[in-house]
Amino acid sequence: KTQRPVQFEITQTTRESVEAWIQRRHLRSDDF
């Protein structure tokens, strides 16, 4: 919307759930 960069934190709980999802779908670096 603004073309402005924004940073955000990813907590341990979130990292674990996202990693589980990436592994489940076998997602690669360029994948959505």
Full PDB file with SEQRES, HELIX, SHEET, SSBOND, CRYST1, ORIGX, SCALE, CONECT and MASTER records, all heavy atoms in Angstrom:
SEQRES   1 A   32  LYS THR GLN ARG PRO VAL GLN PHE GLU ILE THR GLN THR          
SEQRES   2 A   32  THR ARG GLU SER VAL GLU ALA TRP ILE GLN ARG ARG HIS          
SEQRES   3 A   32  LEU ARG SER ASP ASP PHE                                      
HELIX    1 AA1 GLN A   12  ARG A   25  1                                  14    
CRYST1    1.000    1.000    1.000  90.00  90.00  90.00 P 1           1          
ORIGX1      1.000000  0.000000  0.000000        0.00000                         
ORIGX2      0.000000  1.000000  0.000000        0.00000                         
ORIGX3      0.000000  0.000000  1.000000        0.00000                         
SCALE1      1.000000  0.000000  0.000000        0.00000                         
SCALE2      0.000000  1.000000  0.000000        0.00000                         
SCALE3      0.000000  0.000000  1.000000        0.00000                         
ATOM      1  N   LYS A   1       0.818  -1.219   0.000  1.00  0.00           N  
ATOM      2  CA  LYS A   1       0.000   0.000   0.000  1.00  0.00           C  
ATOM      3  C   LYS A   1       0.846   1.262   0.000  1.00  0.00           C  
ATOM      4  O   LYS A   1       0.544   2.224  -0.708  1.00  0.00           O  
ATOM      5  CB  LYS A   1      -0.935   0.006   1.216  1.00  0.00           C  
ATOM      6  CG  LYS A   1      -1.838   1.226   1.292  1.00  0.00           C  
ATOM      7  CD  LYS A   1      -2.753   1.161   2.501  1.00  0.00           C  
ATOM      8  CE  LYS A   1      -3.648   2.400   2.584  1.00  0.00           C  
ATOM      9  NZ  LYS A   1      -4.551   2.334   3.766  1.00  0.00           N  
ATOM     10  N   THR A   2       1.921   1.267   0.777  1.00  0.00           N  
ATOM     11  CA  THR A   2       2.718   2.489   0.953  1.00  0.00           C  
ATOM     12  C   THR A   2       4.100   2.412   0.317  1.00  0.00           C  
ATOM     13  O   THR A   2       4.766   3.441   0.199  1.00  0.00           O  
ATOM     14  CB  THR A   2       2.903   2.783   2.449  1.00  0.00           C  
ATOM     15  OG1 THR A   2       3.661   1.710   3.046  1.00  0.00           O  
ATOM     16  CG2 THR A   2       1.557   2.898   3.153  1.00  0.00           C  
ATOM     17  N   GLN A   3       4.515   1.215  -0.057  1.00  0.00           N  
ATOM     18  CA  GLN A   3       5.866   0.975  -0.581  1.00  0.00           C  
ATOM     19  C   GLN A   3       6.944   1.316   0.446  1.00  0.00           C  
ATOM     20  O   GLN A   3       8.098   1.542   0.090  1.00  0.00           O  
ATOM     21  CB  GLN A   3       6.102   1.765  -1.882  1.00  0.00           C  
ATOM     22  CG  GLN A   3       5.207   1.327  -3.029  1.00  0.00           C  
ATOM     23  CD  GLN A   3       5.362  -0.157  -3.355  1.00  0.00           C  
ATOM     24  OE1 GLN A   3       6.468  -0.626  -3.608  1.00  0.00           O  
ATOM     25  NE2 GLN A   3       4.257  -0.898  -3.330  1.00  0.00           N  
ATOM     26  N   ARG A   4       6.558   1.354   1.702  1.00  0.00           N  
ATOM     27  CA  ARG A   4       7.500   1.602   2.784  1.00  0.00           C  
ATOM     28  C   ARG A   4       7.871   0.269   3.442  1.00  0.00           C  
ATOM     29  O   ARG A   4       7.008  -0.576   3.663  1.00  0.00           O  
ATOM     30  CB  ARG A   4       6.887   2.521   3.850  1.00  0.00           C  
ATOM     31  CG  ARG A   4       6.683   3.964   3.403  1.00  0.00           C  
ATOM     32  CD  ARG A   4       5.816   4.718   4.410  1.00  0.00           C  
ATOM     33  NE  ARG A   4       6.368   4.665   5.753  1.00  0.00           N  
ATOM     34  CZ  ARG A   4       7.234   5.556   6.238  1.00  0.00           C  
ATOM     35  NH1 ARG A   4       7.643   6.561   5.485  1.00  0.00           N  
ATOM     36  NH2 ARG A   4       7.678   5.460   7.479  1.00  0.00           N  
ATOM     37  N   PRO A   5       9.177   0.081   3.758  1.00  0.00           N  
ATOM     38  CA  PRO A   5       9.571  -1.156   4.432  1.00  0.00           C  
ATOM     39  C   PRO A   5       9.109  -1.159   5.885  1.00  0.00           C  
ATOM     40  O   PRO A   5       9.031  -0.109   6.525  1.00  0.00           O  
ATOM     41  CB  PRO A   5      11.103  -1.129   4.342  1.00  0.00           C  
ATOM     42  CG  PRO A   5      11.446   0.324   4.261  1.00  0.00           C  
ATOM     43  CD  PRO A   5      10.324   0.969   3.498  1.00  0.00           C  
ATOM     44  N   VAL A   6       8.786  -2.315   6.376  1.00  0.00           N  
ATOM     45  CA  VAL A   6       8.392  -2.450   7.776  1.00  0.00           C  
ATOM     46  C   VAL A   6       9.011  -3.734   8.315  1.00  0.00           C  
ATOM     47  O   VAL A   6       9.057  -4.755   7.638  1.00  0.00           O  
ATOM     48  CB  VAL A   6       6.856  -2.473   7.933  1.00  0.00           C  
ATOM     49  CG1 VAL A   6       6.231  -3.679   7.246  1.00  0.00           C  
ATOM     50  CG2 VAL A   6       6.448  -2.439   9.398  1.00  0.00           C  
ATOM     51  N   GLN A   7       9.518  -3.660   9.536  1.00  0.00           N  
ATOM     52  CA  GLN A   7      10.116  -4.819  10.189  1.00  0.00           C  
ATOM     53  C   GLN A   7       9.139  -5.403  11.198  1.00  0.00           C  
ATOM     54  O   GLN A   7       8.289  -4.699  11.741  1.00  0.00           O  
ATOM     55  CB  GLN A   7      11.407  -4.426  10.919  1.00  0.00           C  
ATOM     56  CG  GLN A   7      12.638  -4.356  10.034  1.00  0.00           C  
ATOM     57  CD  GLN A   7      13.898  -4.187  10.863  1.00  0.00           C  
ATOM     58  OE1 GLN A   7      14.142  -3.118  11.424  1.00  0.00           O  
ATOM     59  NE2 GLN A   7      14.702  -5.235  10.949  1.00  0.00           N  
ATOM     60  N   PHE A   8       9.275  -6.690  11.439  1.00  0.00           N  
ATOM     61  CA  PHE A   8       8.453  -7.309  12.475  1.00  0.00           C  
ATOM     62  C   PHE A   8       9.197  -8.473  13.108  1.00  0.00           C  
ATOM     63  O   PHE A   8      10.111  -9.045  12.515  1.00  0.00           O  
ATOM     64  CB  PHE A   8       7.101  -7.778  11.918  1.00  0.00           C  
ATOM     65  CG  PHE A   8       7.193  -8.704  10.735  1.00  0.00           C  
ATOM     66  CD1 PHE A   8       7.263 -10.075  10.895  1.00  0.00           C  
ATOM     67  CD2 PHE A   8       7.189  -8.191   9.437  1.00  0.00           C  
ATOM     68  CE1 PHE A   8       7.327 -10.934   9.808  1.00  0.00           C  
ATOM     69  CE2 PHE A   8       7.254  -9.034   8.333  1.00  0.00           C  
ATOM     70  CZ  PHE A   8       7.328 -10.408   8.514  1.00  0.00           C  
ATOM     71  N   GLU A   9       8.808  -8.778  14.335  1.00  0.00           N  
ATOM     72  CA  GLU A   9       9.411  -9.874  15.083  1.00  0.00           C  
ATOM     73  C   GLU A   9       8.637 -11.155  14.817  1.00  0.00           C  
ATOM     74  O   GLU A   9       7.440 -11.114  14.495  1.00  0.00           O  
ATOM     75  CB  GLU A   9       9.411  -9.562  16.579  1.00  0.00           C  
ATOM     76  CG  GLU A   9       8.060  -9.696  17.283  1.00  0.00           C  
ATOM     77  CD  GLU A   9       7.053  -8.610  16.924  1.00  0.00           C  
ATOM     78  OE1 GLU A   9       7.405  -7.657  16.216  1.00  0.00           O  
ATOM     79  OE2 GLU A   9       5.896  -8.728  17.358  1.00  0.00           O  
ATOM     80  N   ILE A  10       9.320 -12.276  14.906  1.00  0.00           N  
ATOM     81  CA  ILE A  10       8.662 -13.579  14.773  1.00  0.00           C  
ATOM     82  C   ILE A  10       9.038 -14.374  16.015  1.00  0.00           C  
ATOM     83  O   ILE A  10      10.175 -14.803  16.173  1.00  0.00           O  
ATOM     84  CB  ILE A  10       9.102 -14.316  13.493  1.00  0.00           C  
ATOM     85  CG1 ILE A  10       8.919 -13.411  12.258  1.00  0.00           C  
ATOM     86  CG2 ILE A  10       8.300 -15.604  13.319  1.00  0.00           C  
ATOM     87  CD1 ILE A  10       9.401 -14.038  10.961  1.00  0.00           C  
ATOM     88  N   THR A  11       8.088 -14.559  16.895  1.00  0.00           N  
ATOM     89  CA  THR A  11       8.351 -15.217  18.180  1.00  0.00           C  
ATOM     90  C   THR A  11       8.598 -16.715  17.991  1.00  0.00           C  
ATOM     91  O   THR A  11       8.300 -17.289  16.939  1.00  0.00           O  
ATOM     92  CB  THR A  11       7.176 -15.015  19.143  1.00  0.00           C  
ATOM     93  OG1 THR A  11       6.003 -15.608  18.560  1.00  0.00           O  
ATOM     94  CG2 THR A  11       6.917 -13.537  19.407  1.00  0.00           C  
ATOM     95  N   GLN A  12       9.126 -17.323  19.031  1.00  0.00           N  
ATOM     96  CA  GLN A  12       9.441 -18.753  18.981  1.00  0.00           C  
ATOM     97  C   GLN A  12       8.216 -19.592  18.641  1.00  0.00           C  
ATOM     98  O   GLN A  12       8.282 -20.519  17.829  1.00  0.00           O  
ATOM     99  CB  GLN A  12      10.034 -19.196  20.324  1.00  0.00           C  
ATOM    100  CG  GLN A  12      10.420 -20.668  20.392  1.00  0.00           C  
ATOM    101  CD  GLN A  12      11.584 -21.016  19.474  1.00  0.00           C  
ATOM    102  OE1 GLN A  12      12.444 -20.183  19.212  1.00  0.00           O  
ATOM    103  NE2 GLN A  12      11.613 -22.248  18.992  1.00  0.00           N  
ATOM    104  N   THR A  13       7.089 -19.265  19.256  1.00  0.00           N  
ATOM    105  CA  THR A  13       5.848 -20.001  18.995  1.00  0.00           C  
ATOM    106  C   THR A  13       5.475 -19.936  17.525  1.00  0.00           C  
ATOM    107  O   THR A  13       5.100 -20.944  16.911  1.00  0.00           O  
ATOM    108  CB  THR A  13       4.694 -19.421  19.846  1.00  0.00           C  
ATOM    109  OG1 THR A  13       4.992 -19.597  21.230  1.00  0.00           O  
ATOM    110  CG2 THR A  13       3.373 -20.100  19.522  1.00  0.00           C  
ATOM    111  N   THR A  14       5.600 -18.746  16.953  1.00  0.00           N  
ATOM    112  CA  THR A  14       5.268 -18.563  15.543  1.00  0.00           C  
ATOM    113  C   THR A  14       6.272 -19.269  14.642  1.00  0.00           C  
ATOM    114  O   THR A  14       5.895 -19.922  13.662  1.00  0.00           O  
ATOM    115  CB  THR A  14       5.199 -17.064  15.195  1.00  0.00           C  
ATOM    116  OG1 THR A  14       4.154 -16.458  15.968  1.00  0.00           O  
ATOM    117  CG2 THR A  14       4.923 -16.843  13.719  1.00  0.00           C  
ATOM    118  N   ARG A  15       7.544 -19.173  14.976  1.00  0.00           N  
ATOM    119  CA  ARG A  15       8.576 -19.829  14.163  1.00  0.00           C  
ATOM    120  C   ARG A  15       8.324 -21.340  14.081  1.00  0.00           C  
ATOM    121  O   ARG A  15       8.422 -21.945  13.018  1.00  0.00           O  
ATOM    122  CB  ARG A  15       9.974 -19.552  14.726  1.00  0.00           C  
ATOM    123  CG  ARG A  15      10.401 -18.097  14.602  1.00  0.00           C  
ATOM    124  CD  ARG A  15      11.918 -17.936  14.711  1.00  0.00           C  
ATOM    125  NE  ARG A  15      12.457 -18.383  15.980  1.00  0.00           N  
ATOM    126  CZ  ARG A  15      12.567 -17.621  17.074  1.00  0.00           C  
ATOM    127  NH1 ARG A  15      12.145 -16.346  17.036  1.00  0.00           N  
ATOM    128  NH2 ARG A  15      13.092 -18.083  18.183  1.00  0.00           N  
ATOM    129  N   GLU A  16       7.997 -21.922  15.212  1.00  0.00           N  
ATOM    130  CA  GLU A  16       7.766 -23.372  15.243  1.00  0.00           C  
ATOM    131  C   GLU A  16       6.557 -23.762  14.387  1.00  0.00           C  
ATOM    132  O   GLU A  16       6.604 -24.754  13.651  1.00  0.00           O  
ATOM    133  CB  GLU A  16       7.553 -23.831  16.689  1.00  0.00           C  
ATOM    134  CG  GLU A  16       8.824 -23.766  17.539  1.00  0.00           C  
ATOM    135  CD  GLU A  16       8.571 -24.082  19.002  1.00  0.00           C  
ATOM    136  OE1 GLU A  16       7.386 -24.297  19.363  1.00  0.00           O  
ATOM    137  OE2 GLU A  16       9.541 -24.104  19.787  1.00  0.00           O  
ATOM    138  N   SER A  17       5.494 -22.985  14.463  1.00  0.00           N  
ATOM    139  CA  SER A  17       4.290 -23.320  13.691  1.00  0.00           C  
ATOM    140  C   SER A  17       4.508 -23.104  12.196  1.00  0.00           C  
ATOM    141  O   SER A  17       4.016 -23.892  11.372  1.00  0.00           O  
ATOM    142  CB  SER A  17       3.088 -22.499  14.179  1.00  0.00           C  
ATOM    143  OG  SER A  17       3.310 -21.106  13.993  1.00  0.00           O  
ATOM    144  N   VAL A  18       5.246 -22.058  11.832  1.00  0.00           N  
ATOM    145  CA  VAL A  18       5.520 -21.792  10.414  1.00  0.00           C  
ATOM    146  C   VAL A  18       6.468 -22.852   9.841  1.00  0.00           C  
ATOM    147  O   VAL A  18       6.279 -23.329   8.717  1.00  0.00           O  
ATOM    148  CB  VAL A  18       6.087 -20.372  10.218  1.00  0.00           C  
ATOM    149  CG1 VAL A  18       6.533 -20.158   8.773  1.00  0.00           C  
ATOM    150  CG2 VAL A  18       5.044 -19.322  10.596  1.00  0.00           C  
ATOM    151  N   GLU A  19       7.482 -23.233  10.608  1.00  0.00           N  
ATOM    152  CA  GLU A  19       8.402 -24.276  10.151  1.00  0.00           C  
ATOM    153  C   GLU A  19       7.674 -25.610   9.944  1.00  0.00           C  
ATOM    154  O   GLU A  19       7.951 -26.342   8.979  1.00  0.00           O  
ATOM    155  CB  GLU A  19       9.554 -24.442  11.147  1.00  0.00           C  
ATOM    156  CG  GLU A  19      10.580 -23.311  11.074  1.00  0.00           C  
ATOM    157  CD  GLU A  19      11.616 -23.363  12.189  1.00  0.00           C  
ATOM    158  OE1 GLU A  19      11.583 -24.314  12.989  1.00  0.00           O  
ATOM    159  OE2 GLU A  19      12.463 -22.437  12.251  1.00  0.00           O  
ATOM    160  N   ALA A  20       6.734 -25.896  10.826  1.00  0.00           N  
ATOM    161  CA  ALA A  20       5.944 -27.127  10.685  1.00  0.00           C  
ATOM    162  C   ALA A  20       5.127 -27.097   9.402  1.00  0.00           C  
ATOM    163  O   ALA A  20       4.995 -28.117   8.703  1.00  0.00           O  
ATOM    164  CB  ALA A  20       5.028 -27.298  11.902  1.00  0.00           C  
ATOM    165  N   TRP A  21       4.584 -25.929   9.067  1.00  0.00           N  
ATOM    166  CA  TRP A  21       3.794 -25.776   7.848  1.00  0.00           C  
ATOM    167  C   TRP A  21       4.669 -25.898   6.603  1.00  0.00           C  
ATOM    168  O   TRP A  21       4.299 -26.582   5.642  1.00  0.00           O  
ATOM    169  CB  TRP A  21       3.074 -24.440   7.857  1.00  0.00           C  
ATOM    170  CG  TRP A  21       2.479 -24.038   6.535  1.00  0.00           C  
ATOM    171  CD1 TRP A  21       2.788 -22.943   5.793  1.00  0.00           C  
ATOM    172  CD2 TRP A  21       1.466 -24.737   5.797  1.00  0.00           C  
ATOM    173  NE1 TRP A  21       2.050 -22.905   4.645  1.00  0.00           N  
ATOM    174  CE2 TRP A  21       1.224 -24.003   4.622  1.00  0.00           C  
ATOM    175  CE3 TRP A  21       0.759 -25.918   6.015  1.00  0.00           C  
ATOM    176  CZ2 TRP A  21       0.294 -24.398   3.662  1.00  0.00           C  
ATOM    177  CZ3 TRP A  21      -0.170 -26.328   5.050  1.00  0.00           C  
ATOM    178  CH2 TRP A  21      -0.396 -25.570   3.902  1.00  0.00           C  
ATOM    179  N   ILE A  22       5.832 -25.269   6.616  1.00  0.00           N  
ATOM    180  CA  ILE A  22       6.762 -25.338   5.479  1.00  0.00           C  
ATOM    181  C   ILE A  22       7.185 -26.789   5.220  1.00  0.00           C  
ATOM    182  O   ILE A  22       7.232 -27.248   4.072  1.00  0.00           O  
ATOM    183  CB  ILE A  22       8.000 -24.455   5.739  1.00  0.00           C  
ATOM    184  CG1 ILE A  22       7.597 -22.967   5.696  1.00  0.00           C  
ATOM    185  CG2 ILE A  22       9.102 -24.717   4.717  1.00  0.00           C  
ATOM    186  CD1 ILE A  22       8.701 -22.009   6.134  1.00  0.00           C  
ATOM    187  N   GLN A  23       7.456 -27.508   6.297  1.00  0.00           N  
ATOM    188  CA  GLN A  23       7.857 -28.911   6.160  1.00  0.00           C  
ATOM    189  C   GLN A  23       6.700 -29.768   5.663  1.00  0.00           C  
ATOM    190  O   GLN A  23       6.887 -30.676   4.844  1.00  0.00           O  
ATOM    191  CB  GLN A  23       8.379 -29.429   7.500  1.00  0.00           C  
ATOM    192  CG  GLN A  23       9.707 -28.819   7.921  1.00  0.00           C  
ATOM    193  CD  GLN A  23      10.084 -29.136   9.356  1.00  0.00           C  
ATOM    194  OE1 GLN A  23       9.473 -29.993   9.995  1.00  0.00           O  
ATOM    195  NE2 GLN A  23      11.099 -28.450   9.870  1.00  0.00           N  
ATOM    196  N   ARG A  24       5.503 -29.483   6.149  1.00  0.00           N  
ATOM    197  CA  ARG A  24       4.318 -30.253   5.736  1.00  0.00           C  
ATOM    198  C   ARG A  24       4.087 -30.137   4.223  1.00  0.00           C  
ATOM    199  O   ARG A  24       3.769 -31.131   3.557  1.00  0.00           O  
ATOM    200  CB  ARG A  24       3.086 -29.746   6.508  1.00  0.00           C  
ATOM    201  CG  ARG A  24       1.738 -30.232   5.997  1.00  0.00           C  
ATOM    202  CD  ARG A  24       1.483 -31.698   6.302  1.00  0.00           C  
ATOM    203  NE  ARG A  24       1.341 -31.928   7.728  1.00  0.00           N  
ATOM    204  CZ  ARG A  24       0.179 -31.835   8.392  1.00  0.00           C  
ATOM    205  NH1 ARG A  24      -0.931 -31.507   7.739  1.00  0.00           N  
ATOM    206  NH2 ARG A  24       0.129 -32.076   9.678  1.00  0.00           N  
ATOM    207  N   ARG A  25       4.245 -28.909   3.702  1.00  0.00           N  
ATOM    208  CA  ARG A  25       3.987 -28.673   2.277  1.00  0.00           C  
ATOM    209  C   ARG A  25       5.240 -28.775   1.410  1.00  0.00           C  
ATOM    210  O   ARG A  25       5.159 -28.609   0.194  1.00  0.00           O  
ATOM    211  CB  ARG A  25       3.354 -27.289   2.093  1.00  0.00           C  
ATOM    212  CG  ARG A  25       1.892 -27.192   2.439  1.00  0.00           C  
ATOM    213  CD  ARG A  25       1.034 -28.060   1.531  1.00  0.00           C  
ATOM    214  NE  ARG A  25       1.169 -27.701   0.131  1.00  0.00           N  
ATOM    215  CZ  ARG A  25       0.328 -26.911  -0.526  1.00  0.00           C  
ATOM    216  NH1 ARG A  25      -0.715 -26.394   0.109  1.00  0.00           N  
ATOM    217  NH2 ARG A  25       0.506 -26.638  -1.799  1.00  0.00           N  
ATOM    218  N   HIS A  26       6.387 -29.021   2.042  1.00  0.00           N  
ATOM    219  CA  HIS A  26       7.662 -29.108   1.314  1.00  0.00           C  
ATOM    220  C   HIS A  26       7.897 -27.839   0.489  1.00  0.00           C  
ATOM    221  O   HIS A  26       8.262 -27.899  -0.695  1.00  0.00           O  
ATOM    222  CB  HIS A  26       7.684 -30.340   0.401  1.00  0.00           C  
ATOM    223  CG  HIS A  26       7.404 -31.628   1.118  1.00  0.00           C  
ATOM    224  ND1 HIS A  26       8.300 -32.181   2.023  1.00  0.00           N  
ATOM    225  CD2 HIS A  26       6.328 -32.450   1.080  1.00  0.00           C  
ATOM    226  CE1 HIS A  26       7.786 -33.305   2.504  1.00  0.00           C  
ATOM    227  NE2 HIS A  26       6.594 -33.485   1.967  1.00  0.00           N  
ATOM    228  N   LEU A  27       7.679 -26.699   1.108  1.00  0.00           N  
ATOM    229  CA  LEU A  27       7.819 -25.419   0.410  1.00  0.00           C  
ATOM    230  C   LEU A  27       9.284 -25.050   0.230  1.00  0.00           C  
ATOM    231  O   LEU A  27      10.109 -25.276   1.116  1.00  0.00           O  
ATOM    232  CB  LEU A  27       7.097 -24.314   1.192  1.00  0.00           C  
ATOM    233  CG  LEU A  27       5.581 -24.489   1.371  1.00  0.00           C  
ATOM    234  CD1 LEU A  27       5.027 -23.389   2.267  1.00  0.00           C  
ATOM    235  CD2 LEU A  27       4.872 -24.488   0.021  1.00  0.00           C  
ATOM    236  N   ARG A  28       9.584 -24.464  -0.922  1.00  0.00           N  
ATOM    237  CA  ARG A  28      10.937 -24.015  -1.225  1.00  0.00           C  
ATOM    238  C   ARG A  28      11.040 -22.504  -1.055  1.00  0.00           C  
ATOM    239  O   ARG A  28      10.033 -21.817  -0.898  1.00  0.00           O  
ATOM    240  CB  ARG A  28      11.313 -24.429  -2.642  1.00  0.00           C  
ATOM    241  CG  ARG A  28      11.372 -25.947  -2.849  1.00  0.00           C  
ATOM    242  CD  ARG A  28      11.457 -26.300  -4.310  1.00  0.00           C  
ATOM    243  NE  ARG A  28      10.282 -25.826  -5.035  1.00  0.00           N  
ATOM    244  CZ  ARG A  28      10.084 -26.010  -6.341  1.00  0.00           C  
ATOM    245  NH1 ARG A  28      10.983 -26.642  -7.063  1.00  0.00           N  
ATOM    246  NH2 ARG A  28       8.990 -25.560  -6.927  1.00  0.00           N  
ATOM    247  N   SER A  29      12.241 -21.985  -1.145  1.00  0.00           N  
ATOM    248  CA  SER A  29      12.516 -20.577  -0.876  1.00  0.00           C  
ATOM    249  C   SER A  29      11.658 -19.622  -1.711  1.00  0.00           C  
ATOM    250  O   SER A  29      11.147 -18.626  -1.208  1.00  0.00           O  
ATOM    251  CB  SER A  29      13.997 -20.279  -1.126  1.00  0.00           C  
ATOM    252  OG  SER A  29      14.273 -18.914  -0.905  1.00  0.00           O  
ATOM    253  N   ASP A  30      11.470 -19.927  -2.996  1.00  0.00           N  
ATOM    254  CA  ASP A  30      10.723 -19.030  -3.878  1.00  0.00           C  
ATOM    255  C   ASP A  30       9.215 -19.229  -3.815  1.00  0.00           C  
ATOM    256  O   ASP A  30       8.462 -18.457  -4.411  1.00  0.00           O  
ATOM    257  CB  ASP A  30      11.188 -19.214  -5.332  1.00  0.00           C  
ATOM    258  CG  ASP A  30      12.569 -18.623  -5.570  1.00  0.00           C  
ATOM    259  OD1 ASP A  30      12.987 -17.752  -4.780  1.00  0.00           O  
ATOM    260  OD2 ASP A  30      13.233 -19.031  -6.547  1.00  0.00           O  
ATOM    261  N   ASP A  31       8.764 -20.245  -3.109  1.00  0.00           N  
ATOM    262  CA  ASP A  31       7.333 -20.529  -3.040  1.00  0.00           C  
ATOM    263  C   ASP A  31       6.610 -19.507  -2.166  1.00  0.00           C  
ATOM    264  O   ASP A  31       7.183 -18.961  -1.212  1.00  0.00           O  
ATOM    265  CB  ASP A  31       7.086 -21.920  -2.452  1.00  0.00           C  
ATOM    266  CG  ASP A  31       7.502 -23.034  -3.397  1.00  0.00           C  
ATOM    267  OD1 ASP A  31       7.576 -22.791  -4.615  1.00  0.00           O  
ATOM    268  OD2 ASP A  31       7.766 -24.152  -2.896  1.00  0.00           O  
ATOM    269  N   PHE A  32       5.340 -19.297  -2.494  1.00  0.00           N  
ATOM    270  CA  PHE A  32       4.512 -18.496  -1.604  1.00  0.00           C  
ATOM    271  C   PHE A  32       4.295 -19.286  -0.320  1.00  0.00           C  
ATOM    272  O   PHE A  32       4.111 -20.510  -0.356  1.00  0.00           O  
ATOM    273  CB  PHE A  32       3.170 -18.152  -2.244  1.00  0.00           C  
ATOM    274  CG  PHE A  32       3.254 -17.080  -3.292  1.00  0.00           C  
ATOM    275  CD1 PHE A  32       3.142 -17.391  -4.639  1.00  0.00           C  
ATOM    276  CD2 PHE A  32       3.476 -15.759  -2.923  1.00  0.00           C  
ATOM    277  CE1 PHE A  32       3.229 -16.403  -5.601  1.00  0.00           C  
ATOM    278  CE2 PHE A  32       3.570 -14.758  -3.877  1.00  0.00           C  
ATOM    279  CZ  PHE A  32       3.449 -15.082  -5.222  1.00  0.00           C  
TER     280      PHE A  32                                                      
MASTER        0    0    0    1    0    0    0    6  279    1    0    3          
END                                                                             
